[in-house]
Amino acid sequence: ARAASRAVGRVVLRDARGRTVGYGTGWLCSSRLLLTNHHV
């Protein structure tokens, strides 16, 4: 569980001015690629 959790991250959504406007969750599904929702 601990090993699997390392690949999970908090997706931080920001507007054009750099202000945080929301959050989601995402996870690495390869060494370079992150998967999350389209609505995120």
PDB file of all heavy atoms in Angstrom:
ATOM      1  N   ALA A   1       0.832  -1.205   0.000  1.00  0.00           N
ATOM      2  CA  ALA A   1       0.000   0.000   0.000  1.00  0.00           C
ATOM      3  C   ALA A   1       0.862   1.250   0.000  1.00  0.00           C
ATOM      4  O   ALA A   1       0.607   2.210  -0.741  1.00  0.00           O
ATOM      5  CB  ALA A   1      -0.932  -0.007   1.209  1.00  0.00           C
ATOM      6  N   ARG A   2       1.887   1.255   0.820  1.00  0.00           N
ATOM      7  CA  ARG A   2       2.764   2.423   0.904  1.00  0.00           C
ATOM      8  C   ARG A   2       3.491   2.650  -0.408  1.00  0.00           C
ATOM      9  O   ARG A   2       3.601   3.784  -0.880  1.00  0.00           O
ATOM     10  CB  ARG A   2       3.766   2.207   2.048  1.00  0.00           C
ATOM     11  CG  ARG A   2       4.658   3.406   2.312  1.00  0.00           C
ATOM     12  CD  ARG A   2       3.829   4.609   2.708  1.00  0.00           C
ATOM     13  NE  ARG A   2       4.641   5.770   2.979  1.00  0.00           N
ATOM     14  CZ  ARG A   2       4.205   7.019   2.925  1.00  0.00           C
ATOM     15  NH1 ARG A   2       2.938   7.251   2.618  1.00  0.00           N
ATOM     16  NH2 ARG A   2       4.986   8.033   3.189  1.00  0.00           N
ATOM     17  N   ALA A   3       3.979   1.557  -1.012  1.00  0.00           N
ATOM     18  CA  ALA A   3       4.688   1.689  -2.284  1.00  0.00           C
ATOM     19  C   ALA A   3       3.760   2.217  -3.373  1.00  0.00           C
ATOM     20  O   ALA A   3       4.133   3.085  -4.163  1.00  0.00           O
ATOM     21  CB  ALA A   3       5.284   0.344  -2.686  1.00  0.00           C
ATOM     22  N   ALA A   4       2.519   1.696  -3.414  1.00  0.00           N
ATOM     23  CA  ALA A   4       1.573   2.147  -4.437  1.00  0.00           C
ATOM     24  C   ALA A   4       1.198   3.605  -4.245  1.00  0.00           C
ATOM     25  O   ALA A   4       1.020   4.353  -5.214  1.00  0.00           O
ATOM     26  CB  ALA A   4       0.320   1.271  -4.399  1.00  0.00           C
ATOM     27  N   SER A   5       1.101   4.045  -2.987  1.00  0.00           N
ATOM     28  CA  SER A   5       0.645   5.414  -2.718  1.00  0.00           C
ATOM     29  C   SER A   5       1.645   6.469  -3.178  1.00  0.00           C
ATOM     30  O   SER A   5       1.273   7.622  -3.401  1.00  0.00           O
ATOM     31  CB  SER A   5       0.361   5.591  -1.229  1.00  0.00           C
ATOM     32  OG  SER A   5       1.560   5.618  -0.473  1.00  0.00           O
ATOM     33  N   ARG A   6       2.918   6.090  -3.316  1.00  0.00           N
ATOM     34  CA  ARG A   6       3.920   7.095  -3.713  1.00  0.00           C
ATOM     35  C   ARG A   6       3.646   7.667  -5.096  1.00  0.00           C
ATOM     36  O   ARG A   6       3.997   8.814  -5.384  1.00  0.00           O
ATOM     37  CB  ARG A   6       5.323   6.472  -3.686  1.00  0.00           C
ATOM     38  CG  ARG A   6       5.834   6.148  -2.300  1.00  0.00           C
ATOM     39  CD  ARG A   6       7.333   5.871  -2.328  1.00  0.00           C
ATOM     40  NE  ARG A   6       7.729   5.292  -1.054  1.00  0.00           N
ATOM     41  CZ  ARG A   6       7.987   4.001  -0.859  1.00  0.00           C
ATOM     42  NH1 ARG A   6       7.925   3.165  -1.870  1.00  0.00           N
ATOM     43  NH2 ARG A   6       8.324   3.556   0.328  1.00  0.00           N
ATOM     44  N   ALA A   7       3.046   6.867  -5.958  1.00  0.00           N
ATOM     45  CA  ALA A   7       2.805   7.316  -7.330  1.00  0.00           C
ATOM     46  C   ALA A   7       1.583   8.212  -7.445  1.00  0.00           C
ATOM     47  O   ALA A   7       1.289   8.723  -8.525  1.00  0.00           O
ATOM     48  CB  ALA A   7       2.651   6.106  -8.249  1.00  0.00           C
ATOM     49  N   VAL A   8       0.844   8.406  -6.345  1.00  0.00           N
ATOM     50  CA  VAL A   8      -0.382   9.212  -6.352  1.00  0.00           C
ATOM     51  C   VAL A   8      -0.046  10.630  -5.905  1.00  0.00           C
ATOM     52  O   VAL A   8       0.639  10.832  -4.895  1.00  0.00           O
ATOM     53  CB  VAL A   8      -1.442   8.591  -5.426  1.00  0.00           C
ATOM     54  CG1 VAL A   8      -2.719   9.430  -5.451  1.00  0.00           C
ATOM     55  CG2 VAL A   8      -1.731   7.154  -5.836  1.00  0.00           C
ATOM     56  N   GLY A   9      -0.512  11.614  -6.646  1.00  0.00           N
ATOM     57  CA  GLY A   9      -0.211  13.003  -6.324  1.00  0.00           C
ATOM     58  C   GLY A   9      -1.443  13.884  -6.339  1.00  0.00           C
ATOM     59  O   GLY A   9      -2.511  13.500  -6.832  1.00  0.00           O
ATOM     60  N   ARG A  10      -1.282  15.062  -5.772  1.00  0.00           N
ATOM     61  CA  ARG A  10      -2.352  16.067  -5.768  1.00  0.00           C
ATOM     62  C   ARG A  10      -2.197  16.952  -6.993  1.00  0.00           C
ATOM     63  O   ARG A  10      -1.165  17.606  -7.183  1.00  0.00           O
ATOM     64  CB  ARG A  10      -2.288  16.913  -4.490  1.00  0.00           C
ATOM     65  CG  ARG A  10      -3.392  17.969  -4.432  1.00  0.00           C
ATOM     66  CD  ARG A  10      -3.414  18.704  -3.101  1.00  0.00           C
ATOM     67  NE  ARG A  10      -2.360  19.685  -2.960  1.00  0.00           N
ATOM     68  CZ  ARG A  10      -2.416  20.738  -2.150  1.00  0.00           C
ATOM     69  NH1 ARG A  10      -3.484  20.928  -1.399  1.00  0.00           N
ATOM     70  NH2 ARG A  10      -1.416  21.576  -2.060  1.00  0.00           N
ATOM     71  N   VAL A  11      -3.225  16.988  -7.838  1.00  0.00           N
ATOM     72  CA  VAL A  11      -3.223  17.857  -9.014  1.00  0.00           C
ATOM     73  C   VAL A  11      -3.719  19.236  -8.578  1.00  0.00           C
ATOM     74  O   VAL A  11      -4.820  19.356  -8.020  1.00  0.00           O
ATOM     75  CB  VAL A  11      -4.116  17.287 -10.126  1.00  0.00           C
ATOM     76  CG1 VAL A  11      -4.138  18.233 -11.327  1.00  0.00           C
ATOM     77  CG2 VAL A  11      -3.616  15.910 -10.556  1.00  0.00           C
ATOM     78  N   VAL A  12      -2.897  20.253  -8.802  1.00  0.00           N
ATOM     79  CA  VAL A  12      -3.228  21.622  -8.403  1.00  0.00           C
ATOM     80  C   VAL A  12      -3.602  22.406  -9.651  1.00  0.00           C
ATOM     81  O   VAL A  12      -2.792  22.531 -10.585  1.00  0.00           O
ATOM     82  CB  VAL A  12      -2.043  22.299  -7.690  1.00  0.00           C
ATOM     83  CG1 VAL A  12      -2.436  23.694  -7.220  1.00  0.00           C
ATOM     84  CG2 VAL A  12      -1.574  21.454  -6.517  1.00  0.00           C
ATOM     85  N   LEU A  13      -4.814  22.908  -9.696  1.00  0.00           N
ATOM     86  CA  LEU A  13      -5.312  23.663 -10.848  1.00  0.00           C
ATOM     87  C   LEU A  13      -5.151  25.154 -10.583  1.00  0.00           C
ATOM     88  O   LEU A  13      -5.540  25.639  -9.522  1.00  0.00           O
ATOM     89  CB  LEU A  13      -6.780  23.327 -11.105  1.00  0.00           C
ATOM     90  CG  LEU A  13      -7.104  21.833 -11.240  1.00  0.00           C
ATOM     91  CD1 LEU A  13      -8.600  21.632 -11.380  1.00  0.00           C
ATOM     92  CD2 LEU A  13      -6.371  21.237 -12.424  1.00  0.00           C
ATOM     93  N   ARG A  14      -4.564  25.853 -11.537  1.00  0.00           N
ATOM     94  CA  ARG A  14      -4.334  27.287 -11.382  1.00  0.00           C
ATOM     95  C   ARG A  14      -4.842  28.032 -12.606  1.00  0.00           C
ATOM     96  O   ARG A  14      -4.869  27.493 -13.717  1.00  0.00           O
ATOM     97  CB  ARG A  14      -2.843  27.574 -11.169  1.00  0.00           C
ATOM     98  CG  ARG A  14      -2.271  26.922  -9.898  1.00  0.00           C
ATOM     99  CD  ARG A  14      -0.854  27.388  -9.620  1.00  0.00           C
ATOM    100  NE  ARG A  14      -0.359  26.879  -8.350  1.00  0.00           N
ATOM    101  CZ  ARG A  14       0.506  25.877  -8.210  1.00  0.00           C
ATOM    102  NH1 ARG A  14       0.982  25.290  -9.291  1.00  0.00           N
ATOM    103  NH2 ARG A  14       0.892  25.472  -7.021  1.00  0.00           N
ATOM    104  N   ASP A  15      -5.228  29.292 -12.378  1.00  0.00           N
ATOM    105  CA  ASP A  15      -5.666  30.104 -13.505  1.00  0.00           C
ATOM    106  C   ASP A  15      -4.461  30.763 -14.164  1.00  0.00           C
ATOM    107  O   ASP A  15      -3.297  30.522 -13.783  1.00  0.00           O
ATOM    108  CB  ASP A  15      -6.717  31.134 -13.063  1.00  0.00           C
ATOM    109  CG  ASP A  15      -6.185  32.117 -12.025  1.00  0.00           C
ATOM    110  OD1 ASP A  15      -4.943  32.231 -11.873  1.00  0.00           O
ATOM    111  OD2 ASP A  15      -7.012  32.780 -11.371  1.00  0.00           O
ATOM    112  N   ALA A  16      -4.713  31.620 -15.142  1.00  0.00           N
ATOM    113  CA  ALA A  16      -3.624  32.237 -15.892  1.00  0.00           C
ATOM    114  C   ALA A  16      -2.752  33.133 -15.035  1.00  0.00           C
ATOM    115  O   ALA A  16      -1.588  33.380 -15.369  1.00  0.00           O
ATOM    116  CB  ALA A  16      -4.202  33.037 -17.068  1.00  0.00           C
ATOM    117  N   ARG A  17      -3.283  33.603 -13.900  1.00  0.00           N
ATOM    118  CA  ARG A  17      -2.510  34.461 -12.998  1.00  0.00           C
ATOM    119  C   ARG A  17      -1.784  33.665 -11.923  1.00  0.00           C
ATOM    120  O   ARG A  17      -1.167  34.234 -11.037  1.00  0.00           O
ATOM    121  CB  ARG A  17      -3.444  35.481 -12.351  1.00  0.00           C
ATOM    122  CG  ARG A  17      -4.099  36.428 -13.363  1.00  0.00           C
ATOM    123  CD  ARG A  17      -5.173  37.277 -12.720  1.00  0.00           C
ATOM    124  NE  ARG A  17      -4.666  38.083 -11.629  1.00  0.00           N
ATOM    125  CZ  ARG A  17      -5.423  38.853 -10.841  1.00  0.00           C
ATOM    126  NH1 ARG A  17      -6.741  38.887 -11.060  1.00  0.00           N
ATOM    127  NH2 ARG A  17      -4.891  39.558  -9.864  1.00  0.00           N
ATOM    128  N   GLY A  18      -1.887  32.336 -11.987  1.00  0.00           N
ATOM    129  CA  GLY A  18      -1.192  31.499 -11.027  1.00  0.00           C
ATOM    130  C   GLY A  18      -1.952  31.250  -9.742  1.00  0.00           C
ATOM    131  O   GLY A  18      -1.416  30.637  -8.819  1.00  0.00           O
ATOM    132  N   ARG A  19      -3.208  31.685  -9.653  1.00  0.00           N
ATOM    133  CA  ARG A  19      -3.997  31.470  -8.442  1.00  0.00           C
ATOM    134  C   ARG A  19      -4.614  30.080  -8.470  1.00  0.00           C
ATOM    135  O   ARG A  19      -5.111  29.628  -9.501  1.00  0.00           O
ATOM    136  CB  ARG A  19      -5.105  32.518  -8.320  1.00  0.00           C
ATOM    137  CG  ARG A  19      -4.597  33.948  -8.191  1.00  0.00           C
ATOM    138  CD  ARG A  19      -5.734  34.929  -7.996  1.00  0.00           C
ATOM    139  NE  ARG A  19      -6.689  34.875  -9.106  1.00  0.00           N
ATOM    140  CZ  ARG A  19      -7.755  35.658  -9.208  1.00  0.00           C
ATOM    141  NH1 ARG A  19      -8.014  36.540  -8.260  1.00  0.00           N
ATOM    142  NH2 ARG A  19      -8.559  35.549 -10.241  1.00  0.00           N
ATOM    143  N   THR A  20      -4.600  29.390  -7.344  1.00  0.00           N
ATOM    144  CA  THR A  20      -5.174  28.058  -7.252  1.00  0.00           C
ATOM    145  C   THR A  20      -6.695  28.145  -7.342  1.00  0.00           C
ATOM    146  O   THR A  20      -7.327  28.903  -6.611  1.00  0.00           O
ATOM    147  CB  THR A  20      -4.763  27.379  -5.939  1.00  0.00           C
ATOM    148  OG1 THR A  20      -3.337  27.244  -5.917  1.00  0.00           O
ATOM    149  CG2 THR A  20      -5.395  25.996  -5.810  1.00  0.00           C
ATOM    150  N   VAL A  21      -7.271  27.356  -8.241  1.00  0.00           N
ATOM    151  CA  VAL A  21      -8.720  27.387  -8.436  1.00  0.00           C
ATOM    152  C   VAL A  21      -9.363  26.029  -8.156  1.00  0.00           C
ATOM    153  O   VAL A  21     -10.593  25.907  -8.221  1.00  0.00           O
ATOM    154  CB  VAL A  21      -9.068  27.842  -9.873  1.00  0.00           C
ATOM    155  CG1 VAL A  21      -8.646  29.284 -10.084  1.00  0.00           C
ATOM    156  CG2 VAL A  21      -8.423  26.935 -10.914  1.00  0.00           C
ATOM    157  N   GLY A  22      -8.585  25.020  -7.869  1.00  0.00           N
ATOM    158  CA  GLY A  22      -9.163  23.716  -7.580  1.00  0.00           C
ATOM    159  C   GLY A  22      -8.102  22.646  -7.442  1.00  0.00           C
ATOM    160  O   GLY A  22      -6.910  22.888  -7.669  1.00  0.00           O
ATOM    161  N   TYR A  23      -8.563  21.450  -7.060  1.00  0.00           N
ATOM    162  CA  TYR A  23      -7.652  20.316  -6.874  1.00  0.00           C
ATOM    163  C   TYR A  23      -8.283  19.053  -7.437  1.00  0.00           C
ATOM    164  O   TYR A  23      -9.499  18.942  -7.577  1.00  0.00           O
ATOM    165  CB  TYR A  23      -7.360  20.075  -5.385  1.00  0.00           C
ATOM    166  CG  TYR A  23      -6.697  21.220  -4.667  1.00  0.00           C
ATOM    167  CD1 TYR A  23      -7.449  22.108  -3.902  1.00  0.00           C
ATOM    168  CD2 TYR A  23      -5.330  21.410  -4.741  1.00  0.00           C
ATOM    169  CE1 TYR A  23      -6.849  23.153  -3.222  1.00  0.00           C
ATOM    170  CE2 TYR A  23      -4.718  22.454  -4.067  1.00  0.00           C
ATOM    171  CZ  TYR A  23      -5.475  23.327  -3.313  1.00  0.00           C
ATOM    172  OH  TYR A  23      -4.879  24.355  -2.646  1.00  0.00           O
ATOM    173  N   GLY A  24      -7.445  18.107  -7.731  1.00  0.00           N
ATOM    174  CA  GLY A  24      -7.872  16.773  -8.095  1.00  0.00           C
ATOM    175  C   GLY A  24      -6.807  15.800  -7.647  1.00  0.00           C
ATOM    176  O   GLY A  24      -5.843  16.168  -6.967  1.00  0.00           O
ATOM    177  N   THR A  25      -6.961  14.554  -8.028  1.00  0.00           N
ATOM    178  CA  THR A  25      -5.962  13.524  -7.763  1.00  0.00           C
ATOM    179  C   THR A  25      -5.499  12.962  -9.095  1.00  0.00           C
ATOM    180  O   THR A  25      -6.279  12.898 -10.057  1.00  0.00           O
ATOM    181  CB  THR A  25      -6.550  12.403  -6.890  1.00  0.00           C
ATOM    182  OG1 THR A  25      -7.007  12.957  -5.656  1.00  0.00           O
ATOM    183  CG2 THR A  25      -5.522  11.323  -6.595  1.00  0.00           C
ATOM    184  N   GLY A  26      -4.232  12.600  -9.189  1.00  0.00           N
ATOM    185  CA  GLY A  26      -3.694  11.959 -10.380  1.00  0.00           C
ATOM    186  C   GLY A  26      -2.622  10.970  -9.985  1.00  0.00           C
ATOM    187  O   GLY A  26      -2.152  10.974  -8.843  1.00  0.00           O
ATOM    188  N   TRP A  27      -2.194  10.129 -10.912  1.00  0.00           N
ATOM    189  CA  TRP A  27      -1.195   9.121 -10.576  1.00  0.00           C
ATOM    190  C   TRP A  27      -0.358   8.771 -11.793  1.00  0.00           C
ATOM    191  O   TRP A  27      -0.825   8.797 -12.932  1.00  0.00           O
ATOM    192  CB  TRP A  27      -1.844   7.870  -9.976  1.00  0.00           C
ATOM    193  CG  TRP A  27      -3.115   7.429 -10.624  1.00  0.00           C
ATOM    194  CD1 TRP A  27      -4.347   8.004 -10.473  1.00  0.00           C
ATOM    195  CD2 TRP A  27      -3.300   6.325 -11.514  1.00  0.00           C
ATOM    196  NE1 TRP A  27      -5.288   7.328 -11.200  1.00  0.00           N
ATOM    197  CE2 TRP A  27      -4.679   6.289 -11.850  1.00  0.00           C
ATOM    198  CE3 TRP A  27      -2.469   5.370 -12.045  1.00  0.00           C
ATOM    199  CZ2 TRP A  27      -5.226   5.339 -12.706  1.00  0.00           C
ATOM    200  CZ3 TRP A  27      -2.999   4.402 -12.888  1.00  0.00           C
ATOM    201  CH2 TRP A  27      -4.354   4.400 -13.214  1.00  0.00           C
ATOM    202  N   LEU A  28       0.880   8.472 -11.511  1.00  0.00           N
ATOM    203  CA  LEU A  28       1.806   8.090 -12.570  1.00  0.00           C
ATOM    204  C   LEU A  28       1.467   6.689 -13.057  1.00  0.00           C
ATOM    205  O   LEU A  28       1.404   5.740 -12.275  1.00  0.00           O
ATOM    206  CB  LEU A  28       3.241   8.130 -12.055  1.00  0.00           C
ATOM    207  CG  LEU A  28       3.806   9.518 -11.729  1.00  0.00           C
ATOM    208  CD1 LEU A  28       5.102   9.396 -10.948  1.00  0.00           C
ATOM    209  CD2 LEU A  28       4.024  10.316 -13.011  1.00  0.00           C
ATOM    210  N   CYS A  29       1.241   6.554 -14.374  1.00  0.00           N
ATOM    211  CA  CYS A  29       0.981   5.233 -14.960  1.00  0.00           C
ATOM    212  C   CYS A  29       2.146   4.789 -15.840  1.00  0.00           C
ATOM    213  O   CYS A  29       2.092   3.726 -16.465  1.00  0.00           O
ATOM    214  CB  CYS A  29      -0.331   5.230 -15.732  1.00  0.00           C
ATOM    215  SG  CYS A  29      -0.466   6.517 -16.979  1.00  0.00           S
ATOM    216  N   SER A  30       3.178   5.615 -15.909  1.00  0.00           N
ATOM    217  CA  SER A  30       4.465   5.258 -16.507  1.00  0.00           C
ATOM    218  C   SER A  30       5.478   6.233 -15.927  1.00  0.00           C
ATOM    219  O   SER A  30       5.135   7.078 -15.104  1.00  0.00           O
ATOM    220  CB  SER A  30       4.416   5.348 -18.038  1.00  0.00           C
ATOM    221  OG  SER A  30       4.517   6.699 -18.467  1.00  0.00           O
ATOM    222  N   SER A  31       6.715   6.131 -16.351  1.00  0.00           N
ATOM    223  CA  SER A  31       7.743   7.002 -15.773  1.00  0.00           C
ATOM    224  C   SER A  31       7.587   8.455 -16.186  1.00  0.00           C
ATOM    225  O   SER A  31       8.186   9.334 -15.570  1.00  0.00           O
ATOM    226  CB  SER A  31       9.135   6.504 -16.180  1.00  0.00           C
ATOM    227  OG  SER A  31       9.295   6.584 -17.584  1.00  0.00           O
ATOM    228  N   ARG A  32       6.770   8.737 -17.216  1.00  0.00           N
ATOM    229  CA  ARG A  32       6.620  10.118 -17.678  1.00  0.00           C
ATOM    230  C   ARG A  32       5.180  10.599 -17.734  1.00  0.00           C
ATOM    231  O   ARG A  32       4.945  11.778 -17.987  1.00  0.00           O
ATOM    232  CB  ARG A  32       7.215  10.253 -19.097  1.00  0.00           C
ATOM    233  CG  ARG A  32       8.726  10.240 -19.190  1.00  0.00           C
ATOM    234  CD  ARG A  32       9.342  11.549 -18.692  1.00  0.00           C
ATOM    235  NE  ARG A  32       8.707  12.746 -19.193  1.00  0.00           N
ATOM    236  CZ  ARG A  32       8.931  13.283 -20.398  1.00  0.00           C
ATOM    237  NH1 ARG A  32       9.779  12.710 -21.234  1.00  0.00           N
ATOM    238  NH2 ARG A  32       8.323  14.391 -20.761  1.00  0.00           N
ATOM    239  N   LEU A  33       4.203   9.713 -17.544  1.00  0.00           N
ATOM    240  CA  LEU A  33       2.818  10.078 -17.820  1.00  0.00           C
ATOM    241  C   LEU A  33       1.949  10.001 -16.567  1.00  0.00           C
ATOM    242  O   LEU A  33       2.073   9.081 -15.753  1.00  0.00           O
ATOM    243  CB  LEU A  33       2.232   9.164 -18.896  1.00  0.00           C
ATOM    244  CG  LEU A  33       2.960   9.170 -20.246  1.00  0.00           C
ATOM    245  CD1 LEU A  33       2.296   8.206 -21.217  1.00  0.00           C
ATOM    246  CD2 LEU A  33       3.009  10.575 -20.835  1.00  0.00           C
ATOM    247  N   LEU A  34       1.057  10.990 -16.450  1.00  0.00           N
ATOM    248  CA  LEU A  34       0.126  11.095 -15.327  1.00  0.00           C
ATOM    249  C   LEU A  34      -1.291  10.923 -15.847  1.00  0.00           C
ATOM    250  O   LEU A  34      -1.664  11.487 -16.877  1.00  0.00           O
ATOM    251  CB  LEU A  34       0.261  12.468 -14.662  1.00  0.00           C
ATOM    252  CG  LEU A  34      -0.628  12.702 -13.440  1.00  0.00           C
ATOM    253  CD1 LEU A  34       0.133  12.315 -12.174  1.00  0.00           C
ATOM    254  CD2 LEU A  34      -1.073  14.163 -13.355  1.00  0.00           C
ATOM    255  N   LEU A  35      -2.101  10.160 -15.104  1.00  0.00           N
ATOM    256  CA  LEU A  35      -3.489   9.935 -15.468  1.00  0.00           C
ATOM    257  C   LEU A  35      -4.408  10.585 -14.443  1.00  0.00           C
ATOM    258  O   LEU A  35      -4.204  10.456 -13.233  1.00  0.00           O
ATOM    259  CB  LEU A  35      -3.774   8.433 -15.525  1.00  0.00           C
ATOM    260  CG  LEU A  35      -5.126   8.006 -16.106  1.00  0.00           C
ATOM    261  CD1 LEU A  35      -5.224   8.368 -17.583  1.00  0.00           C
ATOM    262  CD2 LEU A  35      -5.319   6.497 -15.923  1.00  0.00           C
ATOM    263  N   THR A  36      -5.409  11.295 -14.923  1.00  0.00           N
ATOM    264  CA  THR A  36      -6.448  11.875 -14.063  1.00  0.00           C
ATOM    265  C   THR A  36      -7.727  11.940 -14.879  1.00  0.00           C
ATOM    266  O   THR A  36      -7.829  11.334 -15.954  1.00  0.00           O
ATOM    267  CB  THR A  36      -6.021  13.258 -13.530  1.00  0.00           C
ATOM    268  OG1 THR A  36      -6.991  13.721 -12.570  1.00  0.00           O
ATOM    269  CG2 THR A  36      -5.894  14.289 -14.643  1.00  0.00           C
ATOM    270  N   ASN A  37      -8.731  12.660 -14.397  1.00  0.00           N
ATOM    271  CA  ASN A  37      -9.999  12.768 -15.119  1.00  0.00           C
ATOM    272  C   ASN A  37      -9.980  13.887 -16.148  1.00  0.00           C
ATOM    273  O   ASN A  37      -9.313  14.902 -15.974  1.00  0.00           O
ATOM    274  CB  ASN A  37     -11.151  13.027 -14.143  1.00  0.00           C
ATOM    275  CG  ASN A  37     -11.481  11.852 -13.262  1.00  0.00           C
ATOM    276  OD1 ASN A  37     -11.763  12.022 -12.085  1.00  0.00           O
ATOM    277  ND2 ASN A  37     -11.461  10.642 -13.806  1.00  0.00           N
ATOM    278  N   HIS A  38     -10.792  13.687 -17.180  1.00  0.00           N
ATOM    279  CA  HIS A  38     -11.017  14.766 -18.158  1.00  0.00           C
ATOM    280  C   HIS A  38     -11.646  15.969 -17.477  1.00  0.00           C
ATOM    281  O   HIS A  38     -11.312  17.116 -17.811  1.00  0.00           O
ATOM    282  CB  HIS A  38     -11.922  14.245 -19.278  1.00  0.00           C
ATOM    283  CG  HIS A  38     -12.459  15.315 -20.183  1.00  0.00           C
ATOM    284  ND1 HIS A  38     -11.720  15.886 -21.191  1.00  0.00           N
ATOM    285  CD2 HIS A  38     -13.672  15.939 -20.211  1.00  0.00           C
ATOM    286  CE1 HIS A  38     -12.457  16.805 -21.815  1.00  0.00           C
ATOM    287  NE2 HIS A  38     -13.631  16.859 -21.240  1.00  0.00           N
ATOM    288  N   HIS A  39     -12.545  15.739 -16.509  1.00  0.00           N
ATOM    289  CA  HIS A  39     -13.188  16.896 -15.875  1.00  0.00           C
ATOM    290  C   HIS A  39     -12.254  17.596 -14.891  1.00  0.00           C
ATOM    291  O   HIS A  39     -12.590  18.663 -14.378  1.00  0.00           O
ATOM    292  CB  HIS A  39     -14.519  16.504 -15.219  1.00  0.00           C
ATOM    293  CG  HIS A  39     -14.425  15.762 -13.936  1.00  0.00           C
ATOM    294  ND1 HIS A  39     -14.632  14.401 -13.832  1.00  0.00           N
ATOM    295  CD2 HIS A  39     -14.159  16.171 -12.668  1.00  0.00           C
ATOM    296  CE1 HIS A  39     -14.509  14.025 -12.587  1.00  0.00           C
ATOM    297  NE2 HIS A  39     -14.213  15.076 -11.849  1.00  0.00           N
ATOM    298  N   VAL A  40     -11.074  17.016 -14.633  1.00  0.00           N
ATOM    299  CA  VAL A  40     -10.050  17.714 -13.861  1.00  0.00           C
ATOM    300  C   VAL A  40      -9.159  18.530 -14.803  1.00  0.00           C
ATOM    301  O   VAL A  40      -8.880  19.708 -14.559  1.00  0.00           O
ATOM    302  CB  VAL A  40      -9.202  16.711 -13.054  1.00  0.00           C
ATOM    303  CG1 VAL A  40      -8.023  17.413 -12.370  1.00  0.00           C
ATOM    304  CG2 VAL A  40     -10.067  16.018 -12.005  1.00  0.00           C
TER     305      VAL A  40
END
